[in-house]
Amino acid sequence: MSTLLEINVPEGEKDELVSILGQQGIVPVSLSSRHFDGDTVASAIIELTPPILTFLAGLYMTRIRSNKHVSYKKAGMEIKGVSEAGLLKILESIAGENAHRHSQTKREE
């Protein structure tokens, strides 16, 4: 007897779910859509095996990391909803642009 797992996503993400599962060689036992609380939900039922557990754990960890966002406020500028690494890239880009403008201003004087 096998253990089955039901994965639910918004209807608009059904094709993406099937694609991601297919890339991992996972074929849903069942794929359906139903209305739930005013929305249409797509459901994929898959057989739960050790490789699938490993794959799903990786997806879950990626989701957890993506939810760890930071925010930055200074001088009327606000940046939020990005990862720490993303914020550093943005700030480095802004610093580079400011340095470039500053060097151009000095040349003009």
Protein backbone atom coordinates (compact mmCIF):
# COMPACT_ATOMS: atom_id res chain seq x y z
CA MET A 1 0.00 0.00 0.00
CA SER A 2 1.42 3.40 -0.96
CA THR A 3 1.02 6.76 0.71
CA LEU A 4 -0.48 9.53 -1.39
CA LEU A 5 0.03 13.26 -1.07
CA GLU A 6 -2.35 15.95 -2.32
CA ILE A 7 -0.79 19.21 -3.52
CA ASN A 8 -3.14 22.18 -3.95
CA VAL A 9 -2.32 25.34 -5.91
CA PRO A 10 -4.39 28.16 -7.41
CA GLU A 11 -5.86 27.12 -10.77
CA GLY A 12 -3.60 29.59 -12.61
CA GLU A 13 -0.52 27.74 -11.32
CA LYS A 14 -1.65 24.26 -12.38
CA ASP A 15 0.46 24.13 -15.55
CA GLU A 16 3.53 25.28 -13.63
CA LEU A 17 2.97 22.60 -10.98
CA VAL A 18 2.63 19.89 -13.61
CA SER A 19 5.78 21.18 -15.32
CA ILE A 20 7.81 21.18 -12.07
CA LEU A 21 6.60 17.69 -11.18
CA GLY A 22 7.34 16.49 -14.71
CA GLN A 23 10.90 17.84 -14.54
CA GLN A 24 11.41 15.59 -11.52
CA GLY A 25 9.87 12.59 -13.27
CA ILE A 26 6.79 12.75 -11.05
CA VAL A 27 3.52 11.81 -12.71
CA PRO A 28 0.41 12.70 -10.70
CA VAL A 29 -1.94 9.81 -9.94
CA SER A 30 -4.78 12.31 -10.28
CA LEU A 31 -5.07 15.92 -11.43
CA SER A 32 -8.29 17.85 -10.87
CA SER A 33 -9.76 21.27 -10.18
CA ARG A 34 -12.47 22.26 -7.72
CA HIS A 35 -13.99 25.38 -6.24
CA PHE A 36 -13.00 26.20 -2.68
CA ASP A 37 -13.98 29.31 -0.78
CA GLY A 38 -14.75 31.25 -3.97
CA ASP A 39 -11.53 30.27 -5.76
CA THR A 40 -10.69 27.47 -8.15
CA VAL A 41 -8.01 25.17 -6.78
CA ALA A 42 -6.02 22.64 -8.77
CA SER A 43 -5.11 19.42 -6.97
CA ALA A 44 -2.42 16.93 -7.88
CA ILE A 45 -2.26 13.63 -6.06
CA ILE A 46 1.15 11.98 -6.15
CA GLU A 47 2.62 8.83 -4.65
CA LEU A 48 4.89 9.68 -1.74
CA THR A 49 8.33 8.07 -2.13
CA PRO A 50 11.74 8.92 -0.58
CA PRO A 51 12.98 10.84 -3.67
CA ILE A 52 9.75 12.87 -3.73
CA LEU A 53 10.14 13.65 -0.02
CA THR A 54 13.67 14.94 -0.69
CA PHE A 55 12.41 17.06 -3.58
CA LEU A 56 9.51 18.49 -1.55
CA ALA A 57 11.79 19.27 1.40
CA GLY A 58 14.02 21.26 -0.98
CA LEU A 59 11.02 23.19 -2.29
CA TYR A 60 9.89 23.93 1.25
CA MET A 61 13.34 25.20 2.26
CA THR A 62 13.43 27.44 -0.81
CA ARG A 63 10.04 28.87 0.16
CA ILE A 64 11.20 29.53 3.72
CA ARG A 65 14.31 31.35 2.46
CA SER A 66 12.23 33.40 0.01
CA ASN A 67 10.00 34.60 2.84
CA LYS A 68 12.97 36.03 4.76
CA HIS A 69 12.84 39.55 3.42
CA VAL A 70 14.40 42.68 4.81
CA SER A 71 13.45 46.33 4.56
CA TYR A 72 15.63 49.44 4.37
CA LYS A 73 14.65 53.06 4.97
CA LYS A 74 16.92 56.08 4.63
CA ALA A 75 16.58 59.64 3.43
CA GLY A 76 13.01 59.17 2.21
CA MET A 77 13.87 55.99 0.27
CA GLU A 78 12.28 52.69 1.22
CA ILE A 79 13.22 49.26 -0.13
CA LYS A 80 11.32 46.23 1.12
CA GLY A 81 10.36 42.72 0.09
CA VAL A 82 13.84 41.66 -1.04
CA SER A 83 16.36 39.23 0.37
CA GLU A 84 19.44 40.47 2.18
CA ALA A 85 21.60 39.60 -0.85
CA GLY A 86 19.15 41.42 -3.15
CA LEU A 87 19.22 44.50 -0.92
CA LEU A 88 23.01 44.55 -0.97
CA LYS A 89 23.03 44.41 -4.79
CA ILE A 90 20.53 47.28 -4.98
CA LEU A 91 22.51 49.41 -2.52
CA GLU A 92 25.79 48.68 -4.35
CA SER A 93 24.15 49.72 -7.62
CA ILE A 94 22.85 52.95 -6.07
CA ALA A 95 26.27 53.66 -4.54
CA GLY A 96 27.92 53.10 -7.92
CA GLU A 97 25.50 55.47 -9.65
CA ASN A 98 26.04 58.11 -6.96
CA ALA A 99 29.82 57.77 -7.26
CA HIS A 100 29.56 58.13 -11.04
CA ARG A 101 27.39 61.28 -10.74
CA HIS A 102 29.72 62.71 -8.11
CA SER A 103 32.78 62.22 -10.34
CA GLN A 104 30.98 63.85 -13.29
CA THR A 105 30.02 66.84 -11.14
CA LYS A 106 33.64 67.28 -10.02
CA ARG A 107 34.85 67.21 -13.66
CA GLU A 108 32.37 69.90 -14.64
CA GLU A 109 33.60 72.25 -11.89
